[in-house]
Every structure is written in C-alpha cells, then in structure tokens.
C-alpha cells in the first residue's frame, strides 16, 4: 500500500506541475521553464509531465488500494498547486489587475 501512496503522490505532483506548462504552451504564452520560456518548450514539457504522471499512476497500481491512490494524487496536486500559487519556482510575481499574464 505504501508504494501506491508514494507513487500516487508523485503522480499528483508531476501532473499538477505539468498542467500550467501544457496550458501555456497550447495558448502560445511564455512561461518560465527549464527547457526555455517559449510556448513550444512549455508544451513539450507539459506533455512529457502528463505522460510521466499517467505512468506513475499506472505503476501505483490503484486497483488494489483505490482510496489511498486517490488521496495520494489529490494531496500531490494540492501541494504543487499551493507551491505555484505561493512562492513558485521563480519567486512571487505581484502583478496589477491589468497586467498581461
């Protein structure tokens, strides 16, 4: 069961982190990324993160322990969401209401 929880938590973290990159990529907007800040590197990084999250979820084997698997993914997404909403990887940006994002 611990393997399911840990792999599900990682799947949530990776998948939750991949979403902003993928969404910025498909909307052709720049976003800080290790591979480059443009839309194409973000799309590729987001896609790779979503694929990795799916693999981690598969390897977690949620069939035997569905409730802990769901809880692990939910906590992982919440933690990475709080990280992005808070300090983020590149510091906090305080933009005004009309600032482009």
PDB file of N, CA and C in Angstrom:
ATOM      1  N   UNK A   1       0.807  -1.194   0.000  1.00  0.00           N
ATOM      2  CA  UNK A   1       0.000   0.000   0.000  1.00  0.00           C
ATOM      3  C   UNK A   1       0.854   1.264   0.000  1.00  0.00           C
ATOM      4  N   UNK A   2       1.995   1.244   0.683  1.00  0.00           N
ATOM      5  CA  UNK A   2       2.848   2.437   0.722  1.00  0.00           C
ATOM      6  C   UNK A   2       3.373   2.799  -0.656  1.00  0.00           C
ATOM      7  N   UNK A   3       3.660   1.785  -1.450  1.00  0.00           N
ATOM      8  CA  UNK A   3       4.106   2.049  -2.822  1.00  0.00           C
ATOM      9  C   UNK A   3       3.005   2.778  -3.594  1.00  0.00           C
ATOM     10  N   UNK A   4       1.778   2.367  -3.425  1.00  0.00           N
ATOM     11  CA  UNK A   4       0.647   3.018  -4.087  1.00  0.00           C
ATOM     12  C   UNK A   4       0.537   4.474  -3.662  1.00  0.00           C
ATOM     13  N   UNK A   5       0.664   4.727  -2.368  1.00  0.00           N
ATOM     14  CA  UNK A   5       0.532   6.091  -1.853  1.00  0.00           C
ATOM     15  C   UNK A   5       1.652   6.974  -2.380  1.00  0.00           C
ATOM     16  N   UNK A   6       2.891   6.500  -2.313  1.00  0.00           N
ATOM     17  CA  UNK A   6       4.038   7.310  -2.743  1.00  0.00           C
ATOM     18  C   UNK A   6       3.985   7.584  -4.243  1.00  0.00           C
ATOM     19  N   UNK A   7       3.720   6.540  -5.048  1.00  0.00           N
ATOM     20  CA  UNK A   7       3.663   6.742  -6.494  1.00  0.00           C
ATOM     21  C   UNK A   7       2.474   7.617  -6.890  1.00  0.00           C
ATOM     22  N   UNK A   8       1.362   7.495  -6.194  1.00  0.00           N
ATOM     23  CA  UNK A   8       0.201   8.347  -6.476  1.00  0.00           C
ATOM     24  C   UNK A   8       0.491   9.799  -6.113  1.00  0.00           C
ATOM     25  N   UNK A   9       1.166  10.011  -4.986  1.00  0.00           N
ATOM     26  CA  UNK A   9       1.557  11.366  -4.594  1.00  0.00           C
ATOM     27  C   UNK A   9       2.474  11.975  -5.650  1.00  0.00           C
ATOM     28  N   UNK A  10       3.445  11.206  -6.118  1.00  0.00           N
ATOM     29  CA  UNK A  10       4.339  11.700  -7.172  1.00  0.00           C
ATOM     30  C   UNK A  10       3.577  11.976  -8.463  1.00  0.00           C
ATOM     31  N   UNK A  11       2.616  11.120  -8.794  1.00  0.00           N
ATOM     32  CA  UNK A  11       1.797  11.346  -9.993  1.00  0.00           C
ATOM     33  C   UNK A  11       1.038  12.657  -9.876  1.00  0.00           C
ATOM     34  N   UNK A  12       0.497  12.940  -8.701  1.00  0.00           N
ATOM     35  CA  UNK A  12      -0.208  14.204  -8.491  1.00  0.00           C
ATOM     36  C   UNK A  12       0.702  15.405  -8.591  1.00  0.00           C
ATOM     37  N   UNK A  13       1.891  15.296  -8.002  1.00  0.00           N
ATOM     38  CA  UNK A  13       2.855  16.394  -8.069  1.00  0.00           C
ATOM     39  C   UNK A  13       3.286  16.671  -9.510  1.00  0.00           C
ATOM     40  N   UNK A  14       3.653  15.617 -10.226  1.00  0.00           N
ATOM     41  CA  UNK A  14       4.141  15.774 -11.598  1.00  0.00           C
ATOM     42  C   UNK A  14       3.017  16.254 -12.518  1.00  0.00           C
ATOM     43  N   UNK A  15       1.829  15.655 -12.386  1.00  0.00           N
ATOM     44  CA  UNK A  15       0.708  16.054 -13.230  1.00  0.00           C
ATOM     45  C   UNK A  15       0.255  17.475 -12.956  1.00  0.00           C
ATOM     46  N   UNK A  16       0.185  17.842 -11.687  1.00  0.00           N
ATOM     47  CA  UNK A  16      -0.199  19.207 -11.331  1.00  0.00           C
ATOM     48  C   UNK A  16       0.806  20.236 -11.797  1.00  0.00           C
ATOM     49  N   UNK A  17       2.077  19.872 -11.811  1.00  0.00           N
ATOM     50  CA  UNK A  17       3.108  20.777 -12.304  1.00  0.00           C
ATOM     51  C   UNK A  17       3.089  20.847 -13.830  1.00  0.00           C
ATOM     52  N   UNK A  18       2.687  19.784 -14.491  1.00  0.00           N
ATOM     53  CA  UNK A  18       2.670  19.759 -15.954  1.00  0.00           C
ATOM     54  C   UNK A  18       1.550  20.617 -16.527  1.00  0.00           C
ATOM     55  N   UNK A  19       0.443  20.730 -15.819  1.00  0.00           N
ATOM     56  CA  UNK A  19      -0.709  21.451 -16.354  1.00  0.00           C
ATOM     57  C   UNK A  19      -0.430  22.901 -16.731  1.00  0.00           C
ATOM     58  N   UNK A  20       0.191  23.727 -15.863  1.00  0.00           N
ATOM     59  CA  UNK A  20       0.426  25.111 -16.279  1.00  0.00           C
ATOM     60  C   UNK A  20       1.347  25.207 -17.495  1.00  0.00           C
ATOM     61  N   UNK A  21       2.322  24.324 -17.578  1.00  0.00           N
ATOM     62  CA  UNK A  21       3.230  24.350 -18.730  1.00  0.00           C
ATOM     63  C   UNK A  21       2.491  23.974 -20.007  1.00  0.00           C
ATOM     64  N   UNK A  22       1.683  22.916 -19.934  1.00  0.00           N
ATOM     65  CA  UNK A  22       0.934  22.479 -21.110  1.00  0.00           C
ATOM     66  C   UNK A  22      -0.063  23.559 -21.544  1.00  0.00           C
ATOM     67  N   UNK A  23      -0.774  24.138 -20.593  1.00  0.00           N
ATOM     68  CA  UNK A  23      -1.765  25.158 -20.935  1.00  0.00           C
ATOM     69  C   UNK A  23      -1.126  26.415 -21.508  1.00  0.00           C
ATOM     70  N   UNK A  24      -0.003  26.815 -20.973  1.00  0.00           N
ATOM     71  CA  UNK A  24       0.693  27.969 -21.540  1.00  0.00           C
ATOM     72  C   UNK A  24       1.202  27.657 -22.943  1.00  0.00           C
ATOM     73  N   UNK A  25       1.617  26.427 -23.155  1.00  0.00           N
ATOM     74  CA  UNK A  25       2.089  26.043 -24.478  1.00  0.00           C
ATOM     75  C   UNK A  25       0.994  26.077 -25.522  1.00  0.00           C
ATOM     76  N   UNK A  26      -0.180  25.519 -25.212  1.00  0.00           N
ATOM     77  CA  UNK A  26      -1.243  25.471 -26.222  1.00  0.00           C
ATOM     78  C   UNK A  26      -1.911  26.825 -26.425  1.00  0.00           C
ATOM     79  N   UNK A  27      -1.722  27.762 -25.491  1.00  0.00           N
ATOM     80  CA  UNK A  27      -2.270  29.107 -25.669  1.00  0.00           C
ATOM     81  C   UNK A  27      -1.211  30.082 -26.175  1.00  0.00           C
ATOM     82  N   UNK A  28      -0.047  29.556 -26.534  1.00  0.00           N
ATOM     83  CA  UNK A  28       1.065  30.333 -27.112  1.00  0.00           C
ATOM     84  C   UNK A  28       1.491  31.486 -26.214  1.00  0.00           C
ATOM     85  N   UNK A  29       1.638  31.188 -24.920  1.00  0.00           N
ATOM     86  CA  UNK A  29       2.091  32.198 -23.964  1.00  0.00           C
ATOM     87  C   UNK A  29       3.390  31.739 -23.333  1.00  0.00           C
ATOM     88  N   UNK A  30       4.228  32.699 -23.005  1.00  0.00           N
ATOM     89  CA  UNK A  30       5.513  32.398 -22.378  1.00  0.00           C
ATOM     90  C   UNK A  30       5.283  32.051 -20.904  1.00  0.00           C
ATOM     91  N   UNK A  31       6.157  31.166 -20.395  1.00  0.00           N
ATOM     92  CA  UNK A  31       6.070  30.744 -19.005  1.00  0.00           C
ATOM     93  C   UNK A  31       7.440  30.212 -18.618  1.00  0.00           C
ATOM     94  N   UNK A  32       7.938  30.533 -17.425  1.00  0.00           N
ATOM     95  CA  UNK A  32       9.269  30.071 -17.026  1.00  0.00           C
ATOM     96  C   UNK A  32       9.377  28.548 -17.057  1.00  0.00           C
ATOM     97  N   UNK A  33      10.429  28.079 -17.717  1.00  0.00           N
ATOM     98  CA  UNK A  33      10.622  26.644 -17.901  1.00  0.00           C
ATOM     99  C   UNK A  33      12.113  26.385 -18.073  1.00  0.00           C
ATOM    100  N   UNK A  34      12.567  25.279 -17.582  1.00  0.00           N
ATOM    101  CA  UNK A  34      13.985  24.912 -17.695  1.00  0.00           C
ATOM    102  C   UNK A  34      14.391  24.730 -19.162  1.00  0.00           C
ATOM    103  N   UNK A  35      13.477  24.221 -19.989  1.00  0.00           N
ATOM    104  CA  UNK A  35      13.783  23.950 -21.392  1.00  0.00           C
ATOM    105  C   UNK A  35      13.684  25.190 -22.266  1.00  0.00           C
ATOM    106  N   UNK A  36      13.245  26.297 -21.730  1.00  0.00           N
ATOM    107  CA  UNK A  36      13.048  27.532 -22.490  1.00  0.00           C
ATOM    108  C   UNK A  36      11.686  28.100 -22.137  1.00  0.00           C
ATOM    109  N   UNK A  37      11.539  29.399 -22.230  1.00  0.00           N
ATOM    110  CA  UNK A  37      10.316  30.039 -21.762  1.00  0.00           C
ATOM    111  C   UNK A  37       9.227  30.160 -22.819  1.00  0.00           C
ATOM    112  N   UNK A  38       9.499  29.773 -24.050  1.00  0.00           N
ATOM    113  CA  UNK A  38       8.527  29.918 -25.128  1.00  0.00           C
ATOM    114  C   UNK A  38       7.421  28.886 -25.072  1.00  0.00           C
ATOM    115  N   UNK A  39       6.432  29.038 -25.957  1.00  0.00           N
ATOM    116  CA  UNK A  39       5.289  28.119 -25.968  1.00  0.00           C
ATOM    117  C   UNK A  39       5.653  26.675 -26.308  1.00  0.00           C
ATOM    118  N   UNK A  40       6.527  26.459 -27.284  1.00  0.00           N
ATOM    119  CA  UNK A  40       6.846  25.084 -27.700  1.00  0.00           C
ATOM    120  C   UNK A  40       7.575  24.314 -26.596  1.00  0.00           C
ATOM    121  N   UNK A  41       8.608  24.881 -25.976  1.00  0.00           N
ATOM    122  CA  UNK A  41       9.232  24.134 -24.870  1.00  0.00           C
ATOM    123  C   UNK A  41       8.263  23.849 -23.724  1.00  0.00           C
ATOM    124  N   UNK A  42       7.352  24.779 -23.458  1.00  0.00           N
ATOM    125  CA  UNK A  42       6.375  24.549 -22.396  1.00  0.00           C
ATOM    126  C   UNK A  42       5.382  23.466 -22.785  1.00  0.00           C
ATOM    127  N   UNK A  43       4.959  23.459 -24.038  1.00  0.00           N
ATOM    128  CA  UNK A  43       4.053  22.410 -24.498  1.00  0.00           C
ATOM    129  C   UNK A  43       4.708  21.038 -24.360  1.00  0.00           C
ATOM    130  N   UNK A  44       5.956  20.926 -24.805  1.00  0.00           N
ATOM    131  CA  UNK A  44       6.670  19.648 -24.734  1.00  0.00           C
ATOM    132  C   UNK A  44       6.880  19.226 -23.279  1.00  0.00           C
ATOM    133  N   UNK A  45       7.283  20.159 -22.432  1.00  0.00           N
ATOM    134  CA  UNK A  45       7.493  19.836 -21.016  1.00  0.00           C
ATOM    135  C   UNK A  45       6.181  19.446 -20.343  1.00  0.00           C
ATOM    136  N   UNK A  46       5.106  20.148 -20.645  1.00  0.00           N
ATOM    137  CA  UNK A  46       3.810  19.817 -20.076  1.00  0.00           C
ATOM    138  C   UNK A  46       3.315  18.457 -20.541  1.00  0.00           C
ATOM    139  N   UNK A  47       3.476  18.183 -21.833  1.00  0.00           N
ATOM    140  CA  UNK A  47       3.068  16.884 -22.374  1.00  0.00           C
ATOM    141  C   UNK A  47       3.869  15.758 -21.718  1.00  0.00           C
ATOM    142  N   UNK A  48       5.189  15.939 -21.619  1.00  0.00           N
ATOM    143  CA  UNK A  48       6.043  14.921 -21.002  1.00  0.00           C
ATOM    144  C   UNK A  48       5.652  14.708 -19.533  1.00  0.00           C
ATOM    145  N   UNK A  49       5.338  15.785 -18.834  1.00  0.00           N
ATOM    146  CA  UNK A  49       4.915  15.664 -17.445  1.00  0.00           C
ATOM    147  C   UNK A  49       3.602  14.920 -17.303  1.00  0.00           C
ATOM    148  N   UNK A  50       2.663  15.178 -18.210  1.00  0.00           N
ATOM    149  CA  UNK A  50       1.386  14.468 -18.155  1.00  0.00           C
ATOM    150  C   UNK A  50       1.556  12.981 -18.460  1.00  0.00           C
ATOM    151  N   UNK A  51       2.425  12.665 -19.417  1.00  0.00           N
ATOM    152  CA  UNK A  51       2.699  11.257 -19.724  1.00  0.00           C
ATOM    153  C   UNK A  51       3.354  10.579 -18.522  1.00  0.00           C
ATOM    154  N   UNK A  52       4.331  11.243 -17.909  1.00  0.00           N
ATOM    155  CA  UNK A  52       5.002  10.685 -16.735  1.00  0.00           C
ATOM    156  C   UNK A  52       4.011  10.505 -15.579  1.00  0.00           C
ATOM    157  N   UNK A  53       3.121  11.459 -15.390  1.00  0.00           N
ATOM    158  CA  UNK A  53       2.118  11.334 -14.327  1.00  0.00           C
ATOM    159  C   UNK A  53       1.204  10.135 -14.577  1.00  0.00           C
ATOM    160  N   UNK A  54       0.823   9.929 -15.833  1.00  0.00           N
ATOM    161  CA  UNK A  54      -0.015   8.773 -16.160  1.00  0.00           C
ATOM    162  C   UNK A  54       0.733   7.474 -15.888  1.00  0.00           C
ATOM    163  N   UNK A  55       2.018   7.429 -16.243  1.00  0.00           N
ATOM    164  CA  UNK A  55       2.816   6.231 -15.978  1.00  0.00           C
ATOM    165  C   UNK A  55       2.958   5.978 -14.482  1.00  0.00           C
ATOM    166  N   UNK A  56       3.221   7.031 -13.721  1.00  0.00           N
ATOM    167  CA  UNK A  56       3.331   6.877 -12.268  1.00  0.00           C
ATOM    168  C   UNK A  56       2.014   6.376 -11.677  1.00  0.00           C
ATOM    169  N   UNK A  57       0.906   6.908 -12.175  1.00  0.00           N
ATOM    170  CA  UNK A  57      -0.394   6.449 -11.711  1.00  0.00           C
ATOM    171  C   UNK A  57      -0.640   4.985 -12.057  1.00  0.00           C
ATOM    172  N   UNK A  58      -0.199   4.585 -13.227  1.00  0.00           N
ATOM    173  CA  UNK A  58      -0.340   3.188 -13.635  1.00  0.00           C
ATOM    174  C   UNK A  58       0.528   2.284 -12.761  1.00  0.00           C
ATOM    175  N   UNK A  59       1.779   2.709 -12.542  1.00  0.00           N
ATOM    176  CA  UNK A  59       2.700   1.915 -11.723  1.00  0.00           C
ATOM    177  C   UNK A  59       2.257   1.850 -10.264  1.00  0.00           C
ATOM    178  N   UNK A  60       1.481   2.828  -9.826  1.00  0.00           N
ATOM    179  CA  UNK A  60       1.000   2.826  -8.445  1.00  0.00           C
ATOM    180  C   UNK A  60       0.060   1.651  -8.185  1.00  0.00           C
ATOM    181  N   UNK A  61      -0.548   1.133  -9.230  1.00  0.00           N
ATOM    182  CA  UNK A  61      -1.459   0.006  -9.065  1.00  0.00           C
ATOM    183  C   UNK A  61      -2.657   0.354  -8.212  1.00  0.00           C
ATOM    184  N   UNK A  62      -3.438   1.363  -8.622  1.00  0.00           N
ATOM    185  CA  UNK A  62      -4.536   1.832  -7.769  1.00  0.00           C
ATOM    186  C   UNK A  62      -5.676   0.840  -7.616  1.00  0.00           C
ATOM    187  N   UNK A  63      -5.696  -0.229  -8.407  1.00  0.00           N
ATOM    188  CA  UNK A  63      -6.795  -1.190  -8.328  1.00  0.00           C
ATOM    189  C   UNK A  63      -6.910  -1.863  -6.969  1.00  0.00           C
ATOM    190  N   UNK A  64      -5.778  -2.146  -6.350  1.00  0.00           N
ATOM    191  CA  UNK A  64      -5.792  -2.830  -5.053  1.00  0.00           C
ATOM    192  C   UNK A  64      -6.139  -1.881  -3.908  1.00  0.00           C
ATOM    193  N   UNK A  65      -5.776  -0.618  -4.038  1.00  0.00           N
ATOM    194  CA  UNK A  65      -5.990   0.368  -2.970  1.00  0.00           C
ATOM    195  C   UNK A  65      -6.507   1.669  -3.582  1.00  0.00           C
ATOM    196  N   UNK A  66      -7.745   1.714  -4.051  1.00  0.00           N
ATOM    197  CA  UNK A  66      -8.223   2.910  -4.751  1.00  0.00           C
ATOM    198  C   UNK A  66      -8.324   4.164  -3.880  1.00  0.00           C
ATOM    199  N   UNK A  67      -8.739   4.032  -2.644  1.00  0.00           N
ATOM    200  CA  UNK A  67      -8.882   5.215  -1.786  1.00  0.00           C
ATOM    201  C   UNK A  67      -7.526   5.851  -1.466  1.00  0.00           C
ATOM    202  N   UNK A  68      -6.499   5.086  -1.043  1.00  0.00           N
ATOM    203  CA  UNK A  68      -5.199   5.711  -0.821  1.00  0.00           C
ATOM    204  C   UNK A  68      -4.582   6.269  -2.100  1.00  0.00           C
ATOM    205  N   UNK A  69      -4.836   5.627  -3.243  1.00  0.00           N
ATOM    206  CA  UNK A  69      -4.313   6.136  -4.513  1.00  0.00           C
ATOM    207  C   UNK A  69      -4.944   7.486  -4.842  1.00  0.00           C
ATOM    208  N   UNK A  70      -6.252   7.582  -4.697  1.00  0.00           N
ATOM    209  CA  UNK A  70      -6.940   8.850  -4.954  1.00  0.00           C
ATOM    210  C   UNK A  70      -6.452   9.929  -4.003  1.00  0.00           C
ATOM    211  N   UNK A  71      -6.326   9.582  -2.726  1.00  0.00           N
ATOM    212  CA  UNK A  71      -5.865  10.547  -1.725  1.00  0.00           C
ATOM    213  C   UNK A  71      -4.449  11.023  -2.045  1.00  0.00           C
ATOM    214  N   UNK A  72      -3.577  10.113  -2.481  1.00  0.00           N
ATOM    215  CA  UNK A  72      -2.213  10.493  -2.833  1.00  0.00           C
ATOM    216  C   UNK A  72      -2.170  11.474  -3.993  1.00  0.00           C
ATOM    217  N   UNK A  73      -2.942  11.192  -5.034  1.00  0.00           N
ATOM    218  CA  UNK A  73      -2.990  12.102  -6.186  1.00  0.00           C
ATOM    219  C   UNK A  73      -3.565  13.451  -5.766  1.00  0.00           C
ATOM    220  N   UNK A  74      -4.645  13.434  -4.993  1.00  0.00           N
ATOM    221  CA  UNK A  74      -5.285  14.677  -4.568  1.00  0.00           C
ATOM    222  C   UNK A  74      -4.336  15.540  -3.734  1.00  0.00           C
ATOM    223  N   UNK A  75      -3.614  14.921  -2.814  1.00  0.00           N
ATOM    224  CA  UNK A  75      -2.669  15.669  -1.976  1.00  0.00           C
ATOM    225  C   UNK A  75      -1.510  16.196  -2.829  1.00  0.00           C
ATOM    226  N   UNK A  76      -1.028  15.396  -3.770  1.00  0.00           N
ATOM    227  CA  UNK A  76       0.059  15.837  -4.642  1.00  0.00           C
ATOM    228  C   UNK A  76      -0.321  17.046  -5.475  1.00  0.00           C
ATOM    229  N   UNK A  77      -1.523  17.024  -6.055  1.00  0.00           N
ATOM    230  CA  UNK A  77      -1.983  18.159  -6.862  1.00  0.00           C
ATOM    231  C   UNK A  77      -2.169  19.389  -5.975  1.00  0.00           C
ATOM    232  N   UNK A  78      -2.720  19.196  -4.777  1.00  0.00           N
ATOM    233  CA  UNK A  78      -2.899  20.314  -3.859  1.00  0.00           C
ATOM    234  C   UNK A  78      -1.557  20.936  -3.480  1.00  0.00           C
ATOM    235  N   UNK A  79      -0.572  20.102  -3.150  1.00  0.00           N
ATOM    236  CA  UNK A  79       0.736  20.624  -2.740  1.00  0.00           C
ATOM    237  C   UNK A  79       1.411  21.405  -3.856  1.00  0.00           C
ATOM    238  N   UNK A  80       1.401  20.881  -5.079  1.00  0.00           N
ATOM    239  CA  UNK A  80       2.064  21.606  -6.170  1.00  0.00           C
ATOM    240  C   UNK A  80       1.258  22.854  -6.535  1.00  0.00           C
ATOM    241  N   UNK A  81      -0.064  22.789  -6.381  1.00  0.00           N
ATOM    242  CA  UNK A  81      -0.881  23.980  -6.623  1.00  0.00           C
ATOM    243  C   UNK A  81      -0.578  25.081  -5.617  1.00  0.00           C
ATOM    244  N   UNK A  82      -0.438  24.706  -4.350  1.00  0.00           N
ATOM    245  CA  UNK A  82      -0.074  25.691  -3.330  1.00  0.00           C
ATOM    246  C   UNK A  82       1.313  26.263  -3.585  1.00  0.00           C
ATOM    247  N   UNK A  83       2.219  25.430  -4.061  1.00  0.00           N
ATOM    248  CA  UNK A  83       3.562  25.903  -4.390  1.00  0.00           C
ATOM    249  C   UNK A  83       3.504  26.931  -5.517  1.00  0.00           C
ATOM    250  N   UNK A  84       2.763  26.621  -6.579  1.00  0.00           N
ATOM    251  CA  UNK A  84       2.661  27.555  -7.703  1.00  0.00           C
ATOM    252  C   UNK A  84       1.918  28.828  -7.304  1.00  0.00           C
ATOM    253  N   UNK A  85       0.898  28.716  -6.481  1.00  0.00           N
ATOM    254  CA  UNK A  85       0.138  29.884  -6.053  1.00  0.00           C
ATOM    255  C   UNK A  85       0.922  30.740  -5.065  1.00  0.00           C
ATOM    256  N   UNK A  86       1.824  30.110  -4.331  1.00  0.00           N
ATOM    257  CA  UNK A  86       2.635  30.832  -3.354  1.00  0.00           C
ATOM    258  C   UNK A  86       3.932  31.331  -3.975  1.00  0.00           C
ATOM    259  N   UNK A  87       5.062  30.844  -3.486  1.00  0.00           N
ATOM    260  CA  UNK A  87       6.345  31.367  -3.969  1.00  0.00           C
ATOM    261  C   UNK A  87       6.670  30.936  -5.390  1.00  0.00           C
ATOM    262  N   UNK A  88       6.263  29.761  -5.804  1.00  0.00           N
ATOM    263  CA  UNK A  88       6.595  29.288  -7.150  1.00  0.00           C
ATOM    264  C   UNK A  88       8.085  29.037  -7.294  1.00  0.00           C
ATOM    265  N   UNK A  89       8.456  28.487  -8.417  1.00  0.00           N
ATOM    266  CA  UNK A  89       9.860  28.157  -8.656  1.00  0.00           C
ATOM    267  C   UNK A  89      10.692  29.387  -8.969  1.00  0.00           C
ATOM    268  N   UNK A  90      10.049  30.469  -9.391  1.00  0.00           N
ATOM    269  CA  UNK A  90      10.794  31.651  -9.817  1.00  0.00           C
ATOM    270  C   UNK A  90      10.432  32.874  -8.988  1.00  0.00           C
ATOM    271  N   UNK A  91       9.943  32.662  -7.785  1.00  0.00           N
ATOM    272  CA  UNK A  91       9.579  33.769  -6.915  1.00  0.00           C
ATOM    273  C   UNK A  91       8.160  34.237  -7.182  1.00  0.00           C
ATOM    274  N   UNK A  92       7.672  35.035  -6.301  1.00  0.00           N
ATOM    275  CA  UNK A  92       6.293  35.526  -6.402  1.00  0.00           C
ATOM    276  C   UNK A  92       6.236  36.735  -7.315  1.00  0.00           C
ATOM    277  N   UNK A  93       5.236  36.751  -8.208  1.00  0.00           N
ATOM    278  CA  UNK A  93       5.010  37.899  -9.077  1.00  0.00           C
ATOM    279  C   UNK A  93       3.748  38.595  -8.618  1.00  0.00           C
ATOM    280  N   UNK A  94       3.877  39.815  -8.208  1.00  0.00           N
ATOM    281  CA  UNK A  94       2.705  40.611  -7.831  1.00  0.00           C
ATOM    282  C   UNK A  94       2.384  41.530  -8.986  1.00  0.00           C
ATOM    283  N   UNK A  95       1.404  41.119  -9.766  1.00  0.00           N
ATOM    284  CA  UNK A  95       1.013  41.899 -10.920  1.00  0.00           C
ATOM    285  C   UNK A  95      -0.284  42.608 -10.622  1.00  0.00           C
ATOM    286  N   UNK A  96      -0.435  43.770 -11.213  1.00  0.00           N
ATOM    287  CA  UNK A  96      -1.673  44.527 -11.049  1.00  0.00           C
ATOM    288  C   UNK A  96      -2.823  43.869 -11.788  1.00  0.00           C
ATOM    289  N   UNK A  97      -4.031  44.376 -11.592  1.00  0.00           N
ATOM    290  CA  UNK A  97      -5.194  43.747 -12.213  1.00  0.00           C
ATOM    291  C   UNK A  97      -5.183  43.764 -13.744  1.00  0.00           C
ATOM    292  N   UNK A  98      -4.511  44.734 -14.357  1.00  0.00           N
ATOM    293  CA  UNK A  98      -4.495  44.808 -15.815  1.00  0.00           C
ATOM    294  C   UNK A  98      -3.234  44.297 -16.452  1.00  0.00           C
ATOM    295  N   UNK A  99      -2.339  43.680 -15.657  1.00  0.00           N
ATOM    296  CA  UNK A  99      -1.056  43.210 -16.189  1.00  0.00           C
ATOM    297  C   UNK A  99      -1.254  41.988 -17.069  1.00  0.00           C
ATOM    298  N   UNK A 100      -0.513  41.919 -18.174  1.00  0.00           N
ATOM    299  CA  UNK A 100      -0.619  40.730 -19.031  1.00  0.00           C
ATOM    300  C   UNK A 100       0.003  39.536 -18.342  1.00  0.00           C
ATOM    301  N   UNK A 101      -0.551  38.364 -18.550  1.00  0.00           N
ATOM    302  CA  UNK A 101      -0.034  37.193 -17.856  1.00  0.00           C
ATOM    303  C   UNK A 101       0.229  36.110 -18.771  1.00  0.00           C
TER     304      UNK A 101
END
